[in-house]
C-alpha cells in the first residue's frame, strides 16, 4: 500500500518517468491486472499496481485511465477508500486529457464509488452531474453502459441519503437502459462492469437491503442469475445480500450460512473484509450461543478472523 500511495502521489504531482516496457508488454500487464480484478484477486492485483501505475502514467490517456480505475477498485475493496479516491481522481484527469467520454464516465463512476458512506449526498450529486455532462455522448454504447452504472450508483447513494423518490427515478432510468441494451454477451461489457438487466437486479437487491426490506431482497433473488456476469464480485453481492436477508428473519440461519459460504467462495478476501458480512456472521454466532455453534459457521468465522466467545 505505501508503494501504491507513493505512485499515486507521484502521478498527481505531475512527475513522469521514462517508460521501461514496450507497448505490447504494458497492454498485457493491464489485461492481466484486469483479469485479477474480475476474479477479485485483489492482493495479487495490488502487488502489480505500483509499477503498473507508473508505467501507465508514462503513456497517459486511456491507458492511465484504465490502470487508475483498476487501482481504485482494488483499493476500495481492500478497505483503503481514501487511496481509492486518489486513484479515481487520477483516472478522471487522464480521461479528461484525451476527451474520451467512455473512460470519463468510468472514471466518474469510480469516483462516486470511492466516496465514503458519510458523503452519500455528495456522491449522489457527483453522479447527477456526470450524468448531465455525459448525456450528449450517449450514442456510444460504452458510454450508455457507464451512464447506466452511474444511475445505479445514484440510486443507491440517494437511498442512503434518504431521498427515496430520487432513488426510484434513477433506478427506473437504469432499468429502462438495461432493457434496451440487454446483458453483455461476454458477461462483462465495457470495462467489465456488466451493465444490463442482471446487474440492475443485483443493485435492486442492495437498495432493498439498504432500505431494510429484507423480504423484498429474498423475492428479487429468485429472478436474478448472477452467474451470467463475469465479475465474481457480482456473485459476492448477490449471496451477501441474500444471506443478510435470510439471517434477518431469525428463522433461516442455516440458509443464511449457506449463502455466506457461497459469497466467500466467490470472493474470499473482500467477503472477509466486508463489515456487513462480518456483522451478519457475528449475529448468526450470537444466536447460536445457546446451542453448539455449527462447525461450518465456526470455520467461516475463523477464516474471516472473527473470534467467537466460548
Protein backbone atom coordinates (compact mmCIF):
# COMPACT_ATOMS: atom_id res chain seq x y z
CA UNK A 1 0.00 0.00 0.00
CA UNK A 2 2.76 2.52 0.71
CA UNK A 3 4.20 1.84 -2.75
CA UNK A 4 0.79 2.35 -4.41
CA UNK A 5 0.27 5.54 -2.42
CA UNK A 6 3.71 6.80 -3.47
CA UNK A 7 2.95 6.08 -7.14
CA UNK A 8 -0.35 7.97 -6.94
CA UNK A 9 1.34 10.95 -5.29
CA UNK A 10 3.99 10.98 -7.99
CA UNK A 11 1.39 10.90 -10.76
CA UNK A 12 -0.83 13.56 -9.17
CA UNK A 13 2.23 15.77 -8.71
CA UNK A 14 2.90 15.64 -12.44
CA UNK A 15 6.05 13.51 -12.30
CA UNK A 16 6.56 11.16 -15.24
CA UNK A 17 9.30 8.55 -15.60
CA UNK A 18 10.54 7.30 -18.97
CA UNK A 19 8.70 4.09 -19.93
CA UNK A 20 10.61 0.84 -19.43
CA UNK A 21 8.09 -1.52 -21.07
CA UNK A 22 7.13 -1.94 -24.70
CA UNK A 23 3.55 -1.05 -25.53
CA UNK A 24 2.57 -4.70 -26.00
CA UNK A 25 4.00 -5.66 -22.62
CA UNK A 26 2.17 -2.83 -20.85
CA UNK A 27 -1.08 -3.80 -22.59
CA UNK A 28 -0.58 -7.38 -21.47
CA UNK A 29 0.07 -6.33 -17.88
CA UNK A 30 -3.07 -4.19 -17.82
CA UNK A 31 -5.08 -7.12 -19.17
CA UNK A 32 -3.61 -9.41 -16.51
CA UNK A 33 -4.46 -6.88 -13.81
CA UNK A 34 -7.98 -6.67 -15.18
CA UNK A 35 -8.39 -10.45 -15.03
CA UNK A 36 -7.33 -10.34 -11.39
CA UNK A 37 -9.90 -7.60 -10.80
CA UNK A 38 -12.66 -9.66 -12.39
CA UNK A 39 -11.78 -12.64 -10.18
CA UNK A 40 -11.48 -10.45 -7.05
CA UNK A 41 -7.84 -11.44 -6.50
CA UNK A 42 -7.06 -8.01 -5.09
CA UNK A 43 -3.84 -8.91 -3.18
CA UNK A 44 -2.17 -10.18 -6.37
CA UNK A 45 -3.51 -7.16 -8.21
CA UNK A 46 -2.17 -4.78 -5.55
CA UNK A 47 1.33 -6.18 -5.96
CA UNK A 48 1.23 -5.22 -9.64
CA UNK A 49 -0.13 -1.72 -9.19
CA UNK A 50 2.87 0.42 -8.13
CA UNK A 51 4.87 -0.30 -11.30
CA UNK A 52 1.78 -0.57 -13.48
CA UNK A 53 0.59 2.90 -12.48
CA UNK A 54 3.97 4.49 -13.08
CA UNK A 55 4.34 2.81 -16.48
CA UNK A 56 0.79 3.76 -17.48
CA UNK A 57 1.46 7.36 -16.46
CA UNK A 58 4.32 7.50 -18.95
CA UNK A 59 1.77 6.76 -21.69
CA UNK A 60 -1.18 8.66 -20.25
CA UNK A 61 -4.64 8.89 -21.81
CA UNK A 62 -6.95 5.85 -21.73
CA UNK A 63 -4.05 3.62 -20.63
CA UNK A 64 -3.59 5.60 -17.43
CA UNK A 65 -7.37 5.97 -17.00
CA UNK A 66 -7.77 2.19 -17.14
CA UNK A 67 -4.88 1.47 -14.78
CA UNK A 68 -6.08 4.09 -12.30
CA UNK A 69 -9.64 2.75 -12.48
CA UNK A 70 -8.32 -0.73 -11.69
CA UNK A 71 -6.32 0.69 -8.80
CA UNK A 72 -9.36 2.49 -7.41
CA UNK A 73 -11.46 -0.68 -7.49
CA UNK A 74 -8.72 -2.76 -5.87
CA UNK A 75 -8.03 -0.24 -3.11
CA UNK A 76 -11.72 0.23 -2.31
CA UNK A 77 -12.31 -3.49 -1.91
CA UNK A 78 -9.24 -3.85 0.30
CA UNK A 79 -10.57 -1.13 2.59
CA UNK A 80 -8.28 1.75 1.52
CA UNK A 81 -11.10 4.02 0.35
CA UNK A 82 -9.07 7.23 0.74
CA UNK A 83 -6.44 5.90 -1.66
CA UNK A 84 -9.18 4.63 -3.97
CA UNK A 85 -10.44 8.20 -4.18
CA UNK A 86 -6.95 9.41 -5.16
CA UNK A 87 -6.76 6.77 -7.89
CA UNK A 88 -10.22 7.72 -9.19
CA UNK A 89 -9.12 11.34 -9.46
CA UNK A 90 -6.10 10.25 -11.49
CA UNK A 91 -8.44 8.30 -13.79
CA UNK A 92 -10.73 11.33 -14.22
CA UNK A 93 -7.78 13.57 -15.07
CA UNK A 94 -6.31 11.06 -17.55
CA UNK A 95 -9.64 10.54 -19.36
CA UNK A 96 -10.26 14.27 -19.50
CA UNK A 97 -6.90 14.94 -21.11
CA UNK A 98 -7.90 12.95 -24.20
CA UNK A 99 -11.64 13.72 -24.01
CA UNK A 100 -12.61 10.04 -24.03
CA UNK A 101 -16.26 10.08 -22.85
CA UNK A 102 -16.44 6.33 -22.13
CA UNK A 103 -13.41 6.37 -19.88
CA UNK A 104 -14.53 9.67 -18.39
CA UNK A 105 -17.82 8.02 -17.43
CA UNK A 106 -15.96 5.03 -15.98
CA UNK A 107 -13.62 7.28 -14.02
CA UNK A 108 -16.54 9.33 -12.67
CA UNK A 109 -18.22 6.08 -11.62
CA UNK A 110 -15.05 5.06 -9.77
CA UNK A 111 -15.00 8.46 -8.06
CA UNK A 112 -18.60 8.11 -6.86
CA UNK A 113 -17.97 4.57 -5.66
CA UNK A 114 -14.89 5.66 -3.70
CA UNK A 115 -16.60 8.34 -1.62
CA UNK A 116 -17.32 7.31 1.98
CA UNK A 117 -20.84 6.45 3.06
CA UNK A 118 -20.86 9.64 5.13
CA UNK A 119 -20.63 11.57 1.85
CA UNK A 120 -23.69 9.91 0.28
CA UNK A 121 -25.27 13.27 -0.57
CA UNK A 122 -22.09 14.43 -2.29
CA UNK A 123 -21.80 11.11 -4.15
CA UNK A 124 -25.37 11.43 -5.43
CA UNK A 125 -24.70 14.98 -6.64
CA UNK A 126 -21.47 13.89 -8.34
CA UNK A 127 -23.33 11.11 -10.15
CA UNK A 128 -26.09 13.51 -11.22
CA UNK A 129 -23.53 15.98 -12.54
CA UNK A 130 -21.72 13.29 -14.52
CA UNK A 131 -24.99 12.02 -16.00
CA UNK A 132 -25.88 15.51 -17.20
CA UNK A 133 -22.43 16.22 -18.65
CA UNK A 134 -22.08 12.92 -20.49
CA UNK A 135 -25.60 12.58 -21.86
CA UNK A 136 -24.55 14.14 -25.18
CA UNK A 137 -22.25 11.16 -25.81
CA UNK A 138 -24.93 8.52 -25.18
CA UNK A 139 -24.77 7.43 -28.82
CA UNK A 140 -21.68 5.42 -27.81
CA UNK A 141 -22.77 2.05 -26.37
CA UNK A 142 -19.81 2.10 -23.98
CA UNK A 143 -21.00 5.44 -22.61
CA UNK A 144 -24.57 4.16 -22.30
CA UNK A 145 -23.36 1.24 -20.20
CA UNK A 146 -21.47 3.54 -17.87
CA UNK A 147 -24.37 6.00 -17.69
CA UNK A 148 -26.46 3.04 -16.55
CA UNK A 149 -23.90 2.29 -13.86
CA UNK A 150 -23.98 5.93 -12.75
CA UNK A 151 -27.78 5.76 -12.48
CA UNK A 152 -27.44 2.67 -10.28
CA UNK A 153 -24.84 4.35 -8.11
CA UNK A 154 -27.01 7.47 -7.82
CA UNK A 155 -29.98 5.28 -6.85
CA UNK A 156 -28.04 3.65 -4.01
CA UNK A 157 -26.45 6.84 -2.70
CA UNK A 158 -29.79 8.66 -2.87
CA UNK A 159 -31.31 5.82 -0.85
CA UNK A 160 -28.59 6.19 1.77
CA UNK A 161 -29.25 9.95 1.75
CA UNK A 162 -32.96 9.33 2.40
CA UNK A 163 -34.17 10.67 -0.97
CA UNK A 164 -36.20 7.64 -1.96
CA UNK A 165 -38.14 9.39 -4.74
CA UNK A 166 -34.89 10.39 -6.44
CA UNK A 167 -33.57 6.85 -5.98
CA UNK A 168 -36.66 5.41 -7.68
CA UNK A 169 -36.21 7.77 -10.63
CA UNK A 170 -32.57 6.73 -11.11
CA UNK A 171 -33.44 3.06 -10.77
CA UNK A 172 -36.21 3.43 -13.36
CA UNK A 173 -33.76 5.04 -15.80
CA UNK A 174 -31.22 2.27 -15.25
CA UNK A 175 -33.92 -0.37 -15.74
CA UNK A 176 -35.05 1.22 -18.99
CA UNK A 177 -31.49 1.48 -20.31
CA UNK A 178 -30.70 -2.10 -19.29
CA UNK A 179 -33.80 -3.43 -21.06
CA UNK A 180 -32.65 -1.66 -24.21
CA UNK A 181 -29.07 -2.93 -24.05
CA UNK A 182 -29.56 -6.39 -22.58
CA UNK A 183 -26.90 -8.28 -20.64
CA UNK A 184 -23.43 -8.09 -22.22
CA UNK A 185 -22.76 -11.12 -24.39
CA UNK A 186 -19.34 -11.70 -22.83
CA UNK A 187 -20.66 -11.17 -19.30
CA UNK A 188 -18.54 -8.06 -18.87
CA UNK A 189 -19.29 -5.35 -21.39
CA UNK A 190 -17.26 -2.16 -21.37
CA UNK A 191 -14.68 -2.17 -18.58
CA UNK A 192 -16.14 -5.37 -17.15
CA UNK A 193 -18.93 -3.56 -15.29
CA UNK A 194 -21.56 -5.94 -16.66
CA UNK A 195 -24.32 -3.39 -17.04
CA UNK A 196 -27.65 -4.91 -18.07
CA UNK A 197 -30.83 -6.36 -16.55
CA UNK A 198 -28.91 -8.80 -14.32
CA UNK A 199 -26.74 -6.11 -12.79
CA UNK A 200 -29.78 -3.89 -12.29
CA UNK A 201 -31.39 -6.76 -10.38
CA UNK A 202 -28.33 -7.05 -8.15
CA UNK A 203 -28.37 -3.34 -7.37
CA UNK A 204 -32.11 -3.56 -6.66
CA UNK A 205 -31.30 -6.21 -4.06
CA UNK A 206 -28.66 -3.96 -2.47
CA UNK A 207 -31.01 -0.97 -2.45
CA UNK A 208 -33.80 -3.04 -0.88
CA UNK A 209 -31.33 -4.25 1.77
CA UNK A 210 -30.30 -0.64 2.46
CA UNK A 211 -33.98 0.20 2.98
CA UNK A 212 -34.36 -2.74 5.36
CA UNK A 213 -36.78 -4.52 3.01
CA UNK A 214 -35.31 -7.97 3.52
CA UNK A 215 -38.39 -9.77 2.25
CA UNK A 216 -38.03 -7.83 -0.98
CA UNK A 217 -34.37 -8.91 -1.21
CA UNK A 218 -35.38 -12.57 -0.98
CA UNK A 219 -38.13 -12.03 -3.55
CA UNK A 220 -35.77 -10.33 -6.00
CA UNK A 221 -33.14 -13.06 -5.55
CA UNK A 222 -35.48 -15.58 -7.18
CA UNK A 223 -35.28 -13.75 -10.52
CA UNK A 224 -31.56 -12.83 -10.57
CA UNK A 225 -28.88 -15.11 -12.02
CA UNK A 226 -25.51 -13.53 -11.08
CA UNK A 227 -23.53 -16.30 -12.77
CA UNK A 228 -24.22 -14.76 -16.20
CA UNK A 229 -21.82 -11.94 -15.29
CA UNK A 230 -18.07 -12.38 -15.49
CA UNK A 231 -17.04 -10.40 -12.40
CA UNK A 232 -17.12 -12.57 -9.29
CA UNK A 233 -17.84 -9.55 -7.10
CA UNK A 234 -21.33 -9.58 -8.63
CA UNK A 235 -21.81 -13.09 -7.22
CA UNK A 236 -20.45 -11.83 -3.90
CA UNK A 237 -23.05 -9.06 -3.90
CA UNK A 238 -25.88 -11.49 -4.63
CA UNK A 239 -25.01 -14.04 -1.95
CA UNK A 240 -24.10 -11.43 0.66
CA UNK A 241 -27.38 -9.53 0.29
CA UNK A 242 -29.37 -12.76 0.24
CA UNK A 243 -27.54 -14.10 3.28
CA UNK A 244 -28.16 -10.90 5.22
CA UNK A 245 -31.85 -11.00 4.30
CA UNK A 246 -32.20 -14.66 5.37
CA UNK A 247 -30.32 -14.00 8.62
CA UNK A 248 -32.54 -11.01 9.38
CA UNK A 249 -35.62 -13.25 9.56
CA UNK A 250 -34.11 -15.03 12.55
CA UNK A 251 -35.59 -18.31 11.37
CA UNK A 252 -33.49 -19.24 8.36
CA UNK A 253 -29.96 -19.26 9.76
CA UNK A 254 -28.93 -22.47 8.00
CA UNK A 255 -29.91 -20.97 4.64
CA UNK A 256 -28.14 -17.72 5.54
CA UNK A 257 -24.97 -19.64 6.38
CA UNK A 258 -25.18 -21.42 3.04
CA UNK A 259 -25.46 -18.07 1.24
CA UNK A 260 -22.47 -16.67 3.12
CA UNK A 261 -20.38 -19.72 2.22
CA UNK A 262 -21.27 -19.11 -1.45
CA UNK A 263 -20.28 -15.43 -1.07
CA UNK A 264 -16.94 -16.42 0.42
CA UNK A 265 -16.27 -18.88 -2.38
CA UNK A 266 -16.95 -16.20 -4.97
CA UNK A 267 -14.64 -13.60 -3.42
CA UNK A 268 -12.92 -14.73 -0.20
CA UNK A 269 -10.93 -11.62 0.65
CA UNK A 270 -13.49 -8.87 0.02
CA UNK A 271 -16.09 -11.02 1.80
CA UNK A 272 -13.87 -11.37 4.88
CA UNK A 273 -13.18 -7.62 4.92
CA UNK A 274 -16.78 -6.53 4.34
CA UNK A 275 -18.22 -5.04 7.56
CA UNK A 276 -21.77 -6.05 6.62
CA UNK A 277 -20.65 -9.65 6.18
CA UNK A 278 -18.77 -9.63 9.48
CA UNK A 279 -21.74 -8.17 11.36
CA UNK A 280 -24.09 -10.75 9.88
CA UNK A 281 -21.81 -13.69 10.74
CA UNK A 282 -21.40 -12.39 14.29
CA UNK A 283 -25.19 -12.14 14.60
CA UNK A 284 -25.57 -15.74 13.46
CA UNK A 285 -22.97 -16.85 16.00
CA UNK A 286 -24.62 -14.92 18.83
CA UNK A 287 -27.95 -16.58 18.12
CA UNK A 288 -26.21 -19.95 18.18
CA UNK A 289 -24.65 -19.37 21.60
CA UNK A 290 -27.40 -21.28 23.39
CA UNK A 291 -26.51 -24.33 21.35
CA UNK A 292 -23.30 -25.68 19.92
CA UNK A 293 -22.08 -23.39 17.16
CA UNK A 294 -22.28 -25.33 13.85
CA UNK A 295 -18.89 -26.40 12.57
CA UNK A 296 -19.48 -24.65 9.23
CA UNK A 297 -20.24 -21.37 11.00
CA UNK A 298 -17.24 -21.69 13.30
CA UNK A 299 -14.92 -22.36 10.35
CA UNK A 300 -16.36 -19.44 8.39
CA UNK A 301 -15.80 -17.11 11.36
CA UNK A 302 -12.21 -18.33 11.73
CA UNK A 303 -11.49 -17.65 8.06
CA UNK A 304 -12.89 -14.13 8.50
CA UNK A 305 -10.72 -13.51 11.55
CA UNK A 306 -13.73 -13.37 13.90
CA UNK A 307 -13.22 -14.74 17.41
CA UNK A 308 -16.30 -16.44 18.81
CA UNK A 309 -16.90 -16.43 22.56
CA UNK A 310 -16.58 -19.82 24.16
